Amino acid sequence: MAILMSAEVPGQTQEGYQATVDALREGIMKAPGFIMHMTAPSEGGWAVFEVWASKKEANDWFAHNVAPALPEGVTPRRTFRELYNVITA
């Protein structure tokens, strides 16, 4: 079953997010299990939402690609939820 990864990223700015996503965009599109990525500003930082085929695939991508690319001092608070249904265009 697919999972939703939600991350609150205190202290992250739009510019910081943009630099990170620009560096990772091509890779995430090819990442095993990746389905979609969405973001929005949040109070005091940035929010990231991703849908993955599994929590393992999401964690592997984060550990090998996202964590090393984050600006110093930026630590996402990640949570996971199993999804019942995903409909895309």
C-alpha atoms as a PDB file:
ATOM      1  CA  MET A   1       0.000   0.000   0.000  1.00  0.00           C
ATOM      2  CA  ALA A   2       1.251   3.509  -0.776  1.00  0.00           C
ATOM      3  CA  ILE A   3       2.320   5.840   2.012  1.00  0.00           C
ATOM      4  CA  LEU A   4       2.177   9.584   2.557  1.00  0.00           C
ATOM      5  CA  MET A   5       5.322  11.117   3.977  1.00  0.00           C
ATOM      6  CA  SER A   6       4.718  14.492   5.630  1.00  0.00           C
ATOM      7  CA  ALA A   7       7.612  16.641   6.755  1.00  0.00           C
ATOM      8  CA  GLU A   8       7.617  19.877   8.684  1.00  0.00           C
ATOM      9  CA  VAL A   9      10.900  21.673   8.093  1.00  0.00           C
ATOM     10  CA  PRO A  10      11.352  24.422  10.688  1.00  0.00           C
ATOM     11  CA  GLY A  11      13.624  27.221   9.557  1.00  0.00           C
ATOM     12  CA  GLN A  12      13.517  26.226   5.893  1.00  0.00           C
ATOM     13  CA  THR A  13      12.899  29.060   3.454  1.00  0.00           C
ATOM     14  CA  GLN A  14      11.436  29.009  -0.035  1.00  0.00           C
ATOM     15  CA  GLU A  15      14.897  29.763  -1.397  1.00  0.00           C
ATOM     16  CA  GLY A  16      16.468  26.945   0.613  1.00  0.00           C
ATOM     17  CA  TYR A  17      13.750  24.528  -0.468  1.00  0.00           C
ATOM     18  CA  GLN A  18      14.131  25.586  -4.101  1.00  0.00           C
ATOM     19  CA  ALA A  19      17.887  25.020  -4.058  1.00  0.00           C
ATOM     20  CA  THR A  20      17.380  21.554  -2.574  1.00  0.00           C
ATOM     21  CA  VAL A  21      14.638  20.523  -4.988  1.00  0.00           C
ATOM     22  CA  ASP A  22      16.580  21.880  -7.979  1.00  0.00           C
ATOM     23  CA  ALA A  23      19.485  19.619  -7.019  1.00  0.00           C
ATOM     24  CA  LEU A  24      17.257  16.560  -6.449  1.00  0.00           C
ATOM     25  CA  ARG A  25      14.441  16.925  -9.025  1.00  0.00           C
ATOM     26  CA  GLU A  26      15.887  14.698 -11.725  1.00  0.00           C
ATOM     27  CA  GLY A  27      16.837  11.952  -9.278  1.00  0.00           C
ATOM     28  CA  ILE A  28      13.529  11.806  -7.452  1.00  0.00           C
ATOM     29  CA  MET A  29      11.655  11.430 -10.717  1.00  0.00           C
ATOM     30  CA  LYS A  30      13.599   8.192 -11.295  1.00  0.00           C
ATOM     31  CA  ALA A  31      13.614   6.971  -7.687  1.00  0.00           C
ATOM     32  CA  PRO A  32      12.106   3.513  -7.145  1.00  0.00           C
ATOM     33  CA  GLY A  33       8.666   3.833  -5.571  1.00  0.00           C
ATOM     34  CA  PHE A  34       8.304   7.601  -6.033  1.00  0.00           C
ATOM     35  CA  ILE A  35       4.760   8.736  -6.933  1.00  0.00           C
ATOM     36  CA  MET A  36       4.451  12.485  -6.238  1.00  0.00           C
ATOM     37  CA  HIS A  37       5.882  15.475  -4.349  1.00  0.00           C
ATOM     38  CA  MET A  38       4.104  18.611  -3.095  1.00  0.00           C
ATOM     39  CA  THR A  39       5.193  21.516  -0.887  1.00  0.00           C
ATOM     40  CA  ALA A  40       3.808  24.608   0.772  1.00  0.00           C
ATOM     41  CA  PRO A  41       4.995  27.257   3.177  1.00  0.00           C
ATOM     42  CA  SER A  42       4.158  26.561   6.802  1.00  0.00           C
ATOM     43  CA  GLU A  43       4.321  28.588   9.968  1.00  0.00           C
ATOM     44  CA  GLY A  44       8.004  29.079  10.674  1.00  0.00           C
ATOM     45  CA  GLY A  45       9.275  26.959   7.801  1.00  0.00           C
ATOM     46  CA  TRP A  46       8.247  24.707   4.980  1.00  0.00           C
ATOM     47  CA  ALA A  47       6.036  21.632   4.595  1.00  0.00           C
ATOM     48  CA  VAL A  48       6.773  18.749   2.243  1.00  0.00           C
ATOM     49  CA  PHE A  49       4.385  15.960   1.246  1.00  0.00           C
ATOM     50  CA  GLU A  50       5.352  12.935  -0.817  1.00  0.00           C
ATOM     51  CA  VAL A  51       3.579   9.777  -1.876  1.00  0.00           C
ATOM     52  CA  TRP A  52       5.722   6.654  -2.167  1.00  0.00           C
ATOM     53  CA  ALA A  53       4.977   3.012  -2.909  1.00  0.00           C
ATOM     54  CA  SER A  54       6.547   2.070   0.447  1.00  0.00           C
ATOM     55  CA  LYS A  55       8.065   3.589   3.583  1.00  0.00           C
ATOM     56  CA  LYS A  56      11.331   1.763   2.870  1.00  0.00           C
ATOM     57  CA  GLU A  57      11.676   3.427  -0.534  1.00  0.00           C
ATOM     58  CA  ALA A  58      10.902   6.848   0.974  1.00  0.00           C
ATOM     59  CA  ASN A  59      13.444   6.319   3.768  1.00  0.00           C
ATOM     60  CA  ASP A  60      16.120   5.058   1.373  1.00  0.00           C
ATOM     61  CA  TRP A  61      15.683   8.122  -0.877  1.00  0.00           C
ATOM     62  CA  PHE A  62      15.799  10.482   2.103  1.00  0.00           C
ATOM     63  CA  ALA A  63      18.904   8.912   3.649  1.00  0.00           C
ATOM     64  CA  HIS A  64      20.912   8.757   0.438  1.00  0.00           C
ATOM     65  CA  ASN A  65      19.794  11.965  -1.294  1.00  0.00           C
ATOM     66  CA  VAL A  66      17.856  14.459   0.808  1.00  0.00           C
ATOM     67  CA  ALA A  67      19.665  14.365   4.158  1.00  0.00           C
ATOM     68  CA  PRO A  68      23.099  15.049   2.613  1.00  0.00           C
ATOM     69  CA  ALA A  69      21.670  17.974   0.546  1.00  0.00           C
ATOM     70  CA  LEU A  70      19.933  19.819   3.397  1.00  0.00           C
ATOM     71  CA  PRO A  71      21.385  23.107   4.609  1.00  0.00           C
ATOM     72  CA  GLU A  72      23.181  22.897   7.951  1.00  0.00           C
ATOM     73  CA  GLY A  73      20.760  23.121  10.865  1.00  0.00           C
ATOM     74  CA  VAL A  74      17.679  22.151   8.830  1.00  0.00           C
ATOM     75  CA  THR A  75      16.107  18.978  10.255  1.00  0.00           C
ATOM     76  CA  PRO A  76      12.762  17.784   8.873  1.00  0.00           C
ATOM     77  CA  ARG A  77      10.223  16.227  11.262  1.00  0.00           C
ATOM     78  CA  ARG A  78       8.937  13.353   9.123  1.00  0.00           C
ATOM     79  CA  THR A  79       5.792  11.299   9.697  1.00  0.00           C
ATOM     80  CA  PHE A  80       4.199   8.535   7.650  1.00  0.00           C
ATOM     81  CA  ARG A  81       0.643   7.461   7.020  1.00  0.00           C
ATOM     82  CA  GLU A  82      -0.524   4.446   5.036  1.00  0.00           C
ATOM     83  CA  LEU A  83      -2.872   5.571   2.298  1.00  0.00           C
ATOM     84  CA  TYR A  84      -6.120   3.879   1.476  1.00  0.00           C
ATOM     85  CA  ASN A  85      -6.423   5.310  -2.026  1.00  0.00           C
ATOM     86  CA  VAL A  86      -4.344   7.351  -4.491  1.00  0.00           C
ATOM     87  CA  ILE A  87      -5.883   8.743  -7.680  1.00  0.00           C
ATOM     88  CA  THR A  88      -3.741  10.673 -10.142  1.00  0.00           C
ATOM     89  CA  ALA A  89      -4.376  12.155 -13.573  1.00  0.00           C
END
